[in-house]
Amino acid sequence: MYDHTFYQEEIKKLLKDKNAILLAHYYQDPSIQDLADVVGDSLELARHAAKTDAPVIVFAGVYFMAETAKILNPGKKVLLPDLSAGCSLADHCTPEAFTVFRQRYPDHRVVSYINTSAAIKALSDYVCTSSNAERVIRSVPEDQPLIFAPDKNLGKYLIEKTGRDMVLWEGSCVVHEAFSMEKLIALVRKYPGARIVAHPESEMCILRAAHYTGSTSQMRRYVRKSKASAFIIGTEAGVIHQMKRECPEKEFIPLPSREDNSCACSECAYMKVNTLEKLYRCLRNEAPEVHIGETLRKNALRPIRKMFELS
């Protein structure tokens, strides 16, 4: 078993030798974030995947993210350290079930969150991220009925923001839906001056208590610009690594889940499937590789292109 230093140095060397780019989500382990060429949210990473010249894209994230990179780069090799890195939102919205669901609303168009499989994207009219979801929804004529999938919490937030009466798929993120209002109240009492920032995948009770709601990238910008010195962070705790790097003088308190009886923060088990060792082996062997059939890829690309046009 090698140590972290070995893996870090070897990964740097392999990235250079293979002319590869490493894209990492904010929820990845800090040791992986520190090696990445780009660290960002789903929209930022999709944009970089769309424009990179690198022949090899290594995606330190979950499967739907690497799949999106492959949709945008059919001629490039897209690698994922562990193919089992799934997503509770994407995994529980299957194309078979969603097809039946959509058939119940034949006059509706579909806006799907980027946290979906390529098959769901191919069944959608629009794709969005938490960064641009409101803009995408507002771009659709008001008289056009909509289905929003798969995150019901983000959907409820968008209904409140836009006034659109959308039909929602009943899905949720296991991390964001598990935040405890009781523990949030306790943290506010302990840190009375702290600002609460939350991701819109959280339940409405958390969002109503938040001083700011936004995507992970938007949360980072808010923290940088805010004059407050302490923040309660209502999203996966991996994003705090970048916040601390940018604002070392500020304090960041992760919001725990209802099931968490310790002082530990909420983490996404899917995101943490990736490790330095797996990343090293992935680069060394150029596997596991993500593959998508061309017909499916083209059908999934169409709503993604609409998203970029609107963004």
Protein backbone atom coordinates (compact mmCIF):
# COMPACT_ATOMS: atom_id res chain seq x y z
CA MET A 1 0.00 0.00 0.00
CA TYR A 2 1.48 3.33 -1.09
CA ASP A 3 1.07 6.59 0.82
CA HIS A 4 -0.70 9.76 -0.31
CA THR A 5 2.53 11.40 -1.45
CA PHE A 6 3.26 8.56 -3.87
CA TYR A 7 -0.21 8.71 -5.38
CA GLN A 8 -0.17 12.49 -5.63
CA GLU A 9 3.16 12.58 -7.44
CA GLU A 10 2.27 9.71 -9.76
CA ILE A 11 -1.09 11.25 -10.64
CA LYS A 12 0.57 14.56 -11.51
CA LYS A 13 3.08 12.72 -13.72
CA LEU A 14 0.42 10.63 -15.45
CA LEU A 15 -1.77 13.67 -16.13
CA LYS A 16 1.17 15.37 -17.80
CA ASP A 17 2.38 12.32 -19.72
CA LYS A 18 -1.07 11.50 -21.07
CA ASN A 19 -2.04 15.12 -21.73
CA ALA A 20 -5.12 14.47 -19.61
CA ILE A 21 -7.35 16.90 -17.74
CA LEU A 22 -8.70 16.14 -14.28
CA LEU A 23 -12.13 17.60 -13.49
CA ALA A 24 -13.29 17.34 -9.88
CA HIS A 25 -16.55 18.21 -8.20
CA TYR A 26 -16.60 20.24 -4.97
CA TYR A 27 -17.84 17.17 -3.09
CA GLN A 28 -14.73 15.13 -3.79
CA ASP A 29 -12.15 14.43 -1.11
CA PRO A 30 -9.84 17.46 -0.59
CA SER A 31 -6.80 15.40 -1.66
CA ILE A 32 -8.42 14.94 -5.09
CA GLN A 33 -9.60 18.54 -5.34
CA ASP A 34 -6.02 19.71 -4.78
CA LEU A 35 -4.81 17.73 -7.82
CA ALA A 36 -7.57 18.80 -10.19
CA ASP A 37 -7.13 21.13 -13.15
CA VAL A 38 -10.67 22.35 -12.54
CA VAL A 39 -12.82 22.15 -9.40
CA GLY A 40 -16.42 23.19 -9.86
CA ASP A 41 -20.13 22.47 -9.77
CA SER A 42 -21.99 20.54 -12.46
CA LEU A 43 -22.39 23.55 -14.77
CA GLU A 44 -18.75 24.64 -14.52
CA LEU A 45 -17.48 21.12 -15.11
CA ALA A 46 -19.82 20.60 -18.07
CA ARG A 47 -18.55 23.83 -19.62
CA HIS A 48 -14.92 22.78 -19.21
CA ALA A 49 -15.68 19.32 -20.55
CA ALA A 50 -17.27 20.92 -23.62
CA LYS A 51 -14.28 23.10 -24.47
CA THR A 52 -11.22 21.10 -23.42
CA ASP A 53 -8.62 20.08 -26.01
CA ALA A 54 -7.29 17.28 -23.83
CA PRO A 55 -7.64 13.83 -25.44
CA VAL A 56 -8.28 12.21 -22.04
CA ILE A 57 -10.81 13.52 -19.50
CA VAL A 58 -10.65 12.09 -16.01
CA PHE A 59 -13.81 12.88 -14.08
CA ALA A 60 -13.55 12.81 -10.29
CA GLY A 61 -17.22 12.89 -9.52
CA VAL A 62 -20.17 10.57 -10.02
CA TYR A 63 -21.27 8.59 -13.06
CA PHE A 64 -23.81 11.02 -14.54
CA MET A 65 -21.13 13.74 -14.61
CA ALA A 66 -18.64 11.57 -16.51
CA GLU A 67 -21.48 10.48 -18.80
CA THR A 68 -22.25 14.14 -19.55
CA ALA A 69 -18.58 14.71 -20.40
CA LYS A 70 -18.73 11.80 -22.84
CA ILE A 71 -21.94 13.15 -24.41
CA LEU A 72 -20.07 16.39 -25.09
CA ASN A 73 -16.84 14.66 -26.22
CA PRO A 74 -17.61 11.53 -28.25
CA GLY A 75 -14.12 11.35 -29.73
CA LYS A 76 -12.29 11.60 -26.42
CA LYS A 77 -11.54 9.06 -23.74
CA VAL A 78 -13.56 9.79 -20.58
CA LEU A 79 -12.47 7.98 -17.43
CA LEU A 80 -14.13 7.59 -14.03
CA PRO A 81 -12.10 6.17 -11.11
CA ASP A 82 -15.01 4.01 -9.95
CA LEU A 83 -18.05 3.21 -12.10
CA SER A 84 -20.08 2.50 -8.95
CA ALA A 85 -20.02 6.21 -8.05
CA GLY A 86 -23.73 6.77 -8.52
CA CYS A 87 -26.27 9.37 -7.39
CA SER A 88 -29.49 8.90 -5.43
CA LEU A 89 -31.29 11.28 -7.79
CA ALA A 90 -30.08 9.69 -11.02
CA ASP A 91 -30.27 6.10 -9.83
CA HIS A 92 -33.91 6.29 -8.70
CA CYS A 93 -35.21 7.91 -11.88
CA THR A 94 -35.05 5.06 -14.37
CA PRO A 95 -35.93 5.56 -18.05
CA GLU A 96 -38.58 2.83 -17.87
CA ALA A 97 -40.42 4.42 -14.94
CA PHE A 98 -39.94 7.95 -16.25
CA THR A 99 -41.33 7.04 -19.68
CA VAL A 100 -44.53 5.81 -18.03
CA PHE A 101 -44.66 8.93 -15.85
CA ARG A 102 -44.22 11.25 -18.82
CA GLN A 103 -46.97 9.51 -20.80
CA ARG A 104 -49.45 10.63 -18.12
CA TYR A 105 -48.78 14.27 -19.14
CA PRO A 106 -48.66 14.27 -22.96
CA ASP A 107 -48.94 18.07 -23.25
CA HIS A 108 -46.04 18.73 -20.88
CA ARG A 109 -42.43 19.39 -21.74
CA VAL A 110 -39.67 18.03 -19.54
CA VAL A 111 -36.99 19.99 -17.72
CA SER A 112 -34.54 17.55 -16.19
CA TYR A 113 -31.88 18.33 -13.65
CA ILE A 114 -28.37 17.46 -14.81
CA ASN A 115 -28.31 14.84 -12.00
CA THR A 116 -29.85 12.27 -14.34
CA SER A 117 -28.66 9.52 -16.65
CA ALA A 118 -28.10 10.05 -20.36
CA ALA A 119 -31.30 8.07 -20.96
CA ILE A 120 -33.37 10.59 -18.94
CA LYS A 121 -31.67 13.51 -20.65
CA ALA A 122 -32.63 11.95 -23.98
CA LEU A 123 -36.28 11.92 -22.82
CA SER A 124 -36.08 15.61 -21.85
CA ASP A 125 -36.70 18.86 -23.68
CA TYR A 126 -34.38 20.90 -21.46
CA VAL A 127 -31.55 20.16 -19.04
CA CYS A 128 -30.56 22.48 -16.20
CA THR A 129 -28.22 22.71 -13.23
CA SER A 130 -28.91 24.34 -9.89
CA SER A 131 -26.95 27.35 -11.17
CA ASN A 132 -29.17 28.01 -14.18
CA ALA A 133 -32.44 26.19 -13.38
CA GLU A 134 -34.43 29.37 -12.78
CA ARG A 135 -33.23 30.87 -16.06
CA VAL A 136 -34.11 27.71 -17.98
CA ILE A 137 -37.60 27.56 -16.45
CA ARG A 138 -38.26 31.23 -17.21
CA SER A 139 -37.18 30.73 -20.83
CA VAL A 140 -40.11 28.39 -21.47
CA PRO A 141 -43.39 30.15 -22.45
CA GLU A 142 -45.67 30.49 -19.43
CA ASP A 143 -48.54 28.70 -21.12
CA GLN A 144 -46.41 25.60 -21.69
CA PRO A 145 -47.00 23.05 -18.88
CA LEU A 146 -43.83 21.49 -17.48
CA ILE A 147 -42.57 18.37 -15.76
CA PHE A 148 -39.51 18.84 -13.55
CA ALA A 149 -37.40 15.82 -12.64
CA PRO A 150 -35.95 14.23 -10.63
CA ASP A 151 -35.45 16.45 -7.54
CA LYS A 152 -38.74 17.40 -5.87
CA ASN A 153 -37.02 19.79 -3.44
CA LEU A 154 -35.31 21.75 -6.18
CA GLY A 155 -38.59 21.62 -8.08
CA LYS A 156 -40.55 23.10 -5.16
CA TYR A 157 -37.92 25.83 -4.81
CA LEU A 158 -38.25 26.66 -8.53
CA ILE A 159 -42.05 26.71 -8.34
CA GLU A 160 -41.80 29.28 -5.55
CA LYS A 161 -39.18 31.35 -7.42
CA THR A 162 -40.85 31.34 -10.83
CA GLY A 163 -44.54 30.89 -10.03
CA ARG A 164 -44.73 27.96 -12.48
CA ASP A 165 -47.05 25.11 -11.46
CA MET A 166 -44.83 22.22 -12.52
CA VAL A 167 -45.47 18.50 -12.16
CA LEU A 168 -42.67 17.03 -10.04
CA TRP A 169 -41.02 13.63 -10.06
CA GLU A 170 -40.74 12.39 -6.46
CA GLY A 171 -36.95 12.16 -6.13
CA SER A 172 -34.51 13.65 -3.66
CA CYS A 173 -30.83 13.82 -2.73
CA VAL A 174 -29.98 11.61 0.25
CA VAL A 175 -27.58 14.23 1.61
CA HIS A 176 -29.66 17.39 1.23
CA GLU A 177 -32.96 15.89 2.32
CA ALA A 178 -31.39 14.56 5.52
CA PHE A 179 -30.46 17.95 6.99
CA SER A 180 -31.89 18.48 10.46
CA MET A 181 -33.90 21.61 11.25
CA GLU A 182 -33.47 20.87 14.94
CA LYS A 183 -29.70 20.79 14.58
CA LEU A 184 -29.76 23.94 12.46
CA ILE A 185 -31.59 25.75 15.27
CA ALA A 186 -28.98 24.48 17.74
CA LEU A 187 -26.16 25.76 15.52
CA VAL A 188 -27.81 29.18 15.18
CA ARG A 189 -27.96 29.41 18.97
CA LYS A 190 -24.30 28.43 19.21
CA TYR A 191 -23.19 30.76 16.38
CA PRO A 192 -25.73 33.62 16.51
CA GLY A 193 -23.89 35.76 13.97
CA ALA A 194 -23.40 33.01 11.39
CA ARG A 195 -25.04 33.30 7.97
CA ILE A 196 -26.89 30.23 6.73
CA VAL A 197 -26.22 29.24 3.12
CA ALA A 198 -28.05 26.30 1.60
CA HIS A 199 -28.30 24.33 -1.61
CA PRO A 200 -31.76 24.31 -3.27
CA GLU A 201 -31.83 20.50 -3.11
CA SER A 202 -32.52 20.94 0.62
CA GLU A 203 -36.01 20.75 2.09
CA MET A 204 -38.07 23.93 2.14
CA CYS A 205 -37.82 24.38 5.93
CA ILE A 206 -34.03 24.66 5.58
CA LEU A 207 -34.30 27.02 2.59
CA ARG A 208 -36.74 29.32 4.40
CA ALA A 209 -34.24 29.64 7.24
CA ALA A 210 -31.29 30.35 4.93
CA HIS A 211 -29.85 33.80 4.36
CA TYR A 212 -28.76 32.65 0.89
CA THR A 213 -29.74 29.77 -1.38
CA GLY A 214 -27.70 28.76 -4.41
CA SER A 215 -25.55 26.21 -6.20
CA THR A 216 -22.17 25.28 -4.75
CA SER A 217 -20.42 27.83 -6.97
CA GLN A 218 -22.94 30.51 -6.07
CA MET A 219 -22.47 29.70 -2.38
CA ARG A 220 -18.72 30.16 -2.78
CA ARG A 221 -19.21 33.58 -4.36
CA TYR A 222 -21.62 34.61 -1.62
CA VAL A 223 -19.13 33.60 1.09
CA ARG A 224 -16.29 35.48 -0.61
CA LYS A 225 -18.29 38.69 -0.88
CA SER A 226 -20.05 38.54 2.49
CA LYS A 227 -18.74 40.59 5.40
CA ALA A 228 -19.86 37.91 7.85
CA SER A 229 -17.17 35.92 9.63
CA ALA A 230 -19.02 32.62 10.13
CA PHE A 231 -21.25 30.49 7.89
CA ILE A 232 -23.43 27.43 8.41
CA ILE A 233 -23.10 25.37 5.23
CA GLY A 234 -26.17 23.46 4.08
CA THR A 235 -24.70 21.23 1.41
CA GLU A 236 -22.20 18.37 1.14
CA ALA A 237 -19.25 19.31 3.31
CA GLY A 238 -16.63 18.84 0.58
CA VAL A 239 -17.27 22.38 -0.67
CA ILE A 240 -15.90 23.78 2.59
CA HIS A 241 -12.38 22.85 1.44
CA GLN A 242 -12.48 25.49 -1.31
CA MET A 243 -14.19 28.01 0.96
CA LYS A 244 -11.41 27.67 3.52
CA ARG A 245 -8.75 28.10 0.84
CA GLU A 246 -10.36 31.31 -0.40
CA CYS A 247 -11.37 32.72 3.00
CA PRO A 248 -9.02 31.29 5.66
CA GLU A 249 -10.03 34.00 8.11
CA LYS A 250 -13.68 32.88 8.09
CA GLU A 251 -15.33 30.03 9.98
CA PHE A 252 -17.41 27.34 8.26
CA ILE A 253 -19.78 25.06 10.15
CA PRO A 254 -21.24 22.07 8.28
CA LEU A 255 -24.92 21.35 8.84
CA PRO A 256 -25.31 17.76 10.11
CA SER A 257 -28.00 15.31 9.06
CA ARG A 258 -30.79 13.99 11.24
CA GLU A 259 -29.09 10.60 11.44
CA ASP A 260 -25.73 12.00 12.47
CA ASN A 261 -25.29 11.79 16.23
CA SER A 262 -21.69 12.97 16.18
CA CYS A 263 -20.07 16.28 15.27
CA ALA A 264 -19.20 14.98 11.82
CA CYS A 265 -20.62 16.67 8.76
CA SER A 266 -22.90 15.38 6.03
CA GLU A 267 -21.03 13.66 3.22
CA CYS A 268 -22.13 11.98 0.01
CA ALA A 269 -21.07 8.35 0.11
CA TYR A 270 -21.29 8.19 -3.69
CA MET A 271 -18.83 11.09 -4.13
CA LYS A 272 -16.43 9.60 -1.61
CA VAL A 273 -16.22 6.30 -3.53
CA ASN A 274 -13.37 7.87 -5.51
CA THR A 275 -9.96 7.73 -3.82
CA LEU A 276 -6.41 8.72 -4.69
CA GLU A 277 -5.50 5.08 -5.26
CA LYS A 278 -8.44 4.55 -7.64
CA LEU A 279 -7.60 7.79 -9.44
CA TYR A 280 -3.99 6.65 -9.87
CA ARG A 281 -5.00 3.23 -11.23
CA CYS A 282 -7.59 4.83 -13.48
CA LEU A 283 -4.99 7.07 -15.09
CA ARG A 284 -2.34 4.38 -15.26
CA ASN A 285 -4.64 1.84 -16.93
CA GLU A 286 -6.89 4.36 -18.72
CA ALA A 287 -9.86 2.50 -17.29
CA PRO A 288 -12.70 2.32 -16.33
CA GLU A 289 -13.85 4.18 -19.41
CA VAL A 290 -17.34 5.61 -19.96
CA HIS A 291 -19.10 4.55 -23.17
CA ILE A 292 -22.39 5.76 -24.66
CA GLY A 293 -24.14 4.60 -27.82
CA GLU A 294 -24.20 7.22 -30.56
CA THR A 295 -27.99 7.41 -30.91
CA LEU A 296 -28.44 7.89 -27.17
CA ARG A 297 -25.59 10.40 -27.08
CA LYS A 298 -27.12 12.56 -29.82
CA ASN A 299 -30.56 12.51 -28.18
CA ALA A 300 -29.07 13.47 -24.80
CA LEU A 301 -26.91 16.18 -26.36
CA ARG A 302 -29.90 18.12 -27.73
CA PRO A 303 -31.30 19.38 -24.37
CA ILE A 304 -27.77 19.95 -23.04
CA ARG A 305 -27.06 22.27 -25.97
CA LYS A 306 -30.24 24.18 -25.14
CA MET A 307 -28.93 24.61 -21.61
CA PHE A 308 -25.64 26.08 -22.82
CA GLU A 309 -27.48 28.44 -25.16
CA LEU A 310 -29.59 29.71 -22.26
CA SER A 311 -26.61 29.97 -19.90
